[in-house]
């Protein structure tokens, strides 16, 4: 179980490191809207997920949640991981009480599971993704990929579809996809999206 949490952290941190330099997709407000197109793919950070995590201006909420989960220190591991990293706009769609609750010590396991839901073991680049492909995340749940040309979306267990804003951000121990929604399992427990 401890190893699973480490893997989740690495993947989530990887997502942050892939966004070390803001791109048009990260600074353009429309990049958080449904239908946003893929931007600035293939960026290489040259650092591991842990060293890169704190450098993304559009993933400060994710960084805050990583710190609260206690997983930040583990992000320098070998990996590799694929992380679907929600940007700040994605987290702003969560209700305020739900987001605040995730930061409470009593919600640590729930927070770890939420973060792990966004991480896949292995390095999967966009050229390896296929329309209709399913990926098993670190919580054992299925994410479904939809791909039409350069547009990639990820569907969670609730049927929520997140647009990939930036793909193939390459860290030394993983690859990150910046997404515009928080992915969640189909469960009555956990954060509720408005």
Protein backbone atom coordinates (compact mmCIF):
# COMPACT_ATOMS: atom_id res chain seq x y z
CA UNK A 1 0.00 0.00 0.00
CA UNK A 2 2.87 2.36 0.84
CA UNK A 3 4.43 1.62 -2.56
CA UNK A 4 1.15 2.44 -4.30
CA UNK A 5 1.04 5.83 -2.60
CA UNK A 6 4.61 6.48 -3.74
CA UNK A 7 3.67 5.65 -7.31
CA UNK A 8 0.66 7.95 -7.14
CA UNK A 9 2.77 10.76 -5.88
CA UNK A 10 5.37 10.33 -8.60
CA UNK A 11 2.79 10.47 -11.32
CA UNK A 12 1.04 13.49 -9.91
CA UNK A 13 4.30 15.30 -9.34
CA UNK A 14 5.33 14.42 -12.87
CA UNK A 15 2.36 16.27 -14.19
CA UNK A 16 3.50 19.37 -12.36
CA UNK A 17 7.03 19.16 -13.63
CA UNK A 18 5.94 18.88 -17.21
CA UNK A 19 4.56 22.35 -16.95
CA UNK A 20 7.71 24.11 -15.81
CA UNK A 21 7.38 26.81 -18.47
CA UNK A 22 3.97 28.36 -19.04
CA UNK A 23 2.71 27.90 -22.59
CA UNK A 24 -0.16 29.54 -24.38
CA UNK A 25 -2.33 26.69 -23.15
CA UNK A 26 -1.40 27.39 -19.55
CA UNK A 27 -1.91 31.12 -19.69
CA UNK A 28 -4.92 31.20 -21.99
CA UNK A 29 -8.17 31.07 -19.96
CA UNK A 30 -9.88 29.24 -22.81
CA UNK A 31 -7.47 26.34 -22.28
CA UNK A 32 -9.56 25.18 -19.32
CA UNK A 33 -12.75 25.07 -21.37
CA UNK A 34 -14.11 21.92 -22.99
CA UNK A 35 -12.88 21.46 -26.53
CA UNK A 36 -9.52 23.11 -25.90
CA UNK A 37 -6.89 21.83 -28.31
CA UNK A 38 -3.60 20.22 -27.45
CA UNK A 39 -0.77 22.70 -26.91
CA UNK A 40 3.03 22.54 -26.73
CA UNK A 41 3.50 18.79 -26.64
CA UNK A 42 6.83 17.12 -26.01
CA UNK A 43 8.38 19.54 -23.52
CA UNK A 44 11.34 18.02 -21.65
CA UNK A 45 11.97 19.22 -18.11
CA UNK A 46 15.31 17.52 -17.52
CA UNK A 47 14.33 16.94 -13.89
CA UNK A 48 12.49 14.29 -11.92
CA UNK A 49 8.92 14.73 -10.84
CA UNK A 50 9.83 15.91 -7.33
CA UNK A 51 12.20 18.67 -8.46
CA UNK A 52 9.81 19.89 -11.11
CA UNK A 53 6.55 19.80 -9.13
CA UNK A 54 6.82 23.25 -7.59
CA UNK A 55 7.60 25.04 -10.85
CA UNK A 56 4.21 25.02 -12.60
CA UNK A 57 2.22 28.24 -12.12
CA UNK A 58 -0.97 26.57 -13.34
CA UNK A 59 -0.80 23.64 -10.90
CA UNK A 60 -0.45 25.37 -7.53
CA UNK A 61 -3.60 23.73 -6.17
CA UNK A 62 -2.29 20.30 -7.13
CA UNK A 63 1.01 21.11 -5.42
CA UNK A 64 -0.88 22.16 -2.27
CA UNK A 65 -2.78 18.85 -2.29
CA UNK A 66 0.42 16.88 -2.86
CA UNK A 67 2.00 18.54 0.18
CA UNK A 68 -1.10 17.86 2.31
CA UNK A 69 -1.09 14.20 1.24
CA UNK A 70 2.50 13.71 2.41
CA UNK A 71 3.50 12.36 -1.01
CA UNK A 72 5.68 15.22 -2.21
CA UNK A 73 8.90 13.81 -0.75
CA UNK A 74 8.41 10.55 -2.67
CA UNK A 75 8.30 12.16 -6.12
CA UNK A 76 11.98 11.63 -6.83
CA UNK A 77 11.62 7.85 -7.30
CA UNK A 78 12.46 5.86 -10.40
CA UNK A 79 9.01 5.50 -11.93
CA UNK A 80 8.17 5.71 -14.73
CA UNK A 81 4.63 7.05 -14.41
CA UNK A 82 2.07 8.76 -16.57
CA UNK A 83 0.22 11.54 -14.75
CA UNK A 84 -2.98 13.26 -15.82
CA UNK A 85 -2.55 16.49 -13.86
CA UNK A 86 -5.58 18.72 -13.24
CA UNK A 87 -4.78 22.41 -13.58
CA UNK A 88 -5.96 25.12 -11.16
CA UNK A 89 -9.11 25.70 -13.22
CA UNK A 90 -10.03 22.03 -12.82
CA UNK A 91 -9.79 22.23 -9.03
CA UNK A 92 -11.75 25.48 -8.94
CA UNK A 93 -14.75 23.49 -10.25
CA UNK A 94 -14.82 21.48 -7.00
CA UNK A 95 -17.07 22.91 -4.34
CA UNK A 96 -15.14 24.97 -1.79
CA UNK A 97 -16.11 22.82 1.20
CA UNK A 98 -15.03 19.69 -0.66
CA UNK A 99 -11.63 21.14 -1.57
CA UNK A 100 -11.11 22.45 1.98
CA UNK A 101 -12.08 19.05 3.41
CA UNK A 102 -9.40 17.36 1.31
CA UNK A 103 -6.76 19.43 3.12
CA UNK A 104 -7.83 18.20 6.56
CA UNK A 105 -5.61 15.55 8.22
CA UNK A 106 -8.69 13.34 8.61
CA UNK A 107 -9.08 13.29 4.80
CA UNK A 108 -5.52 12.20 4.03
CA UNK A 109 -6.46 8.73 2.71
CA UNK A 110 -9.23 10.19 0.57
CA UNK A 111 -6.80 12.77 -0.80
CA UNK A 112 -4.17 10.12 -1.58
CA UNK A 113 -6.79 8.08 -3.45
CA UNK A 114 -7.91 11.15 -5.41
CA UNK A 115 -4.33 11.91 -6.47
CA UNK A 116 -3.61 8.24 -7.27
CA UNK A 117 -6.66 8.17 -9.53
CA UNK A 118 -4.70 10.45 -11.91
CA UNK A 119 -1.60 8.23 -12.17
CA UNK A 120 -0.84 5.29 -14.45
CA UNK A 121 2.19 3.04 -14.00
CA UNK A 122 4.53 3.30 -16.98
CA UNK A 123 5.49 6.00 -19.45
CA UNK A 124 2.71 6.41 -22.03
CA UNK A 125 3.21 9.08 -24.68
CA UNK A 126 0.45 10.51 -26.86
CA UNK A 127 1.59 8.54 -29.92
CA UNK A 128 0.87 5.35 -27.94
CA UNK A 129 -2.67 6.40 -27.01
CA UNK A 130 -5.58 5.09 -29.10
CA UNK A 131 -9.22 6.09 -29.30
CA UNK A 132 -11.22 3.90 -26.90
CA UNK A 133 -8.12 2.66 -25.07
CA UNK A 134 -8.54 1.91 -21.37
CA UNK A 135 -5.85 2.51 -18.77
CA UNK A 136 -5.81 1.18 -15.21
CA UNK A 137 -4.75 3.80 -12.68
CA UNK A 138 -2.98 3.22 -9.36
CA UNK A 139 -6.30 2.77 -7.57
CA UNK A 140 -7.23 -0.09 -9.92
CA UNK A 141 -9.91 1.99 -11.67
CA UNK A 142 -10.31 2.40 -15.43
CA UNK A 143 -9.72 5.62 -17.37
CA UNK A 144 -10.87 5.71 -21.01
CA UNK A 145 -8.94 7.62 -23.65
CA UNK A 146 -10.69 9.33 -26.55
CA UNK A 147 -8.46 10.51 -29.38
CA UNK A 148 -9.36 12.29 -32.61
CA UNK A 149 -6.30 13.59 -34.44
CA UNK A 150 -4.35 15.73 -31.95
CA UNK A 151 -7.29 16.12 -29.57
CA UNK A 152 -7.14 13.81 -26.57
CA UNK A 153 -9.63 13.48 -23.73
CA UNK A 154 -9.71 11.25 -20.64
CA UNK A 155 -12.96 9.88 -19.21
CA UNK A 156 -13.28 8.87 -15.56
CA UNK A 157 -15.59 6.44 -13.75
CA UNK A 158 -18.32 9.07 -13.44
CA UNK A 159 -18.39 9.80 -17.15
CA UNK A 160 -16.63 13.15 -16.73
CA UNK A 161 -14.46 13.91 -19.75
CA UNK A 162 -11.31 16.01 -19.27
CA UNK A 163 -9.54 17.68 -22.18
CA UNK A 164 -5.77 17.28 -22.42
CA UNK A 165 -4.41 20.83 -22.51
CA UNK A 166 -0.75 19.85 -22.81
CA UNK A 167 0.62 16.39 -23.59
CA UNK A 168 3.92 14.57 -23.37
CA UNK A 169 5.63 16.75 -20.81
CA UNK A 170 8.64 14.55 -20.18
CA UNK A 171 10.28 14.27 -16.79
CA UNK A 172 13.19 11.96 -16.11
CA UNK A 173 10.86 9.54 -14.34
CA UNK A 174 7.57 9.97 -16.19
CA UNK A 175 5.32 11.84 -18.57
CA UNK A 176 2.64 14.39 -17.71
CA UNK A 177 -0.60 15.43 -19.36
CA UNK A 178 -2.17 18.66 -18.12
CA UNK A 179 -5.97 18.31 -18.00
CA UNK A 180 -8.86 20.68 -17.35
CA UNK A 181 -10.98 18.56 -14.98
CA UNK A 182 -10.45 16.55 -11.81
CA UNK A 183 -10.95 12.84 -12.49
CA UNK A 184 -12.95 10.86 -9.93
CA UNK A 185 -14.16 7.34 -9.39
CA UNK A 186 -17.83 6.46 -9.57
CA UNK A 187 -18.54 6.55 -5.85
CA UNK A 188 -20.84 8.47 -3.53
CA UNK A 189 -17.81 9.34 -1.40
CA UNK A 190 -15.13 11.84 -2.32
CA UNK A 191 -15.17 15.31 -3.85
CA UNK A 192 -18.26 16.30 -5.77
CA UNK A 193 -17.90 18.36 -8.92
CA UNK A 194 -20.42 21.17 -9.36
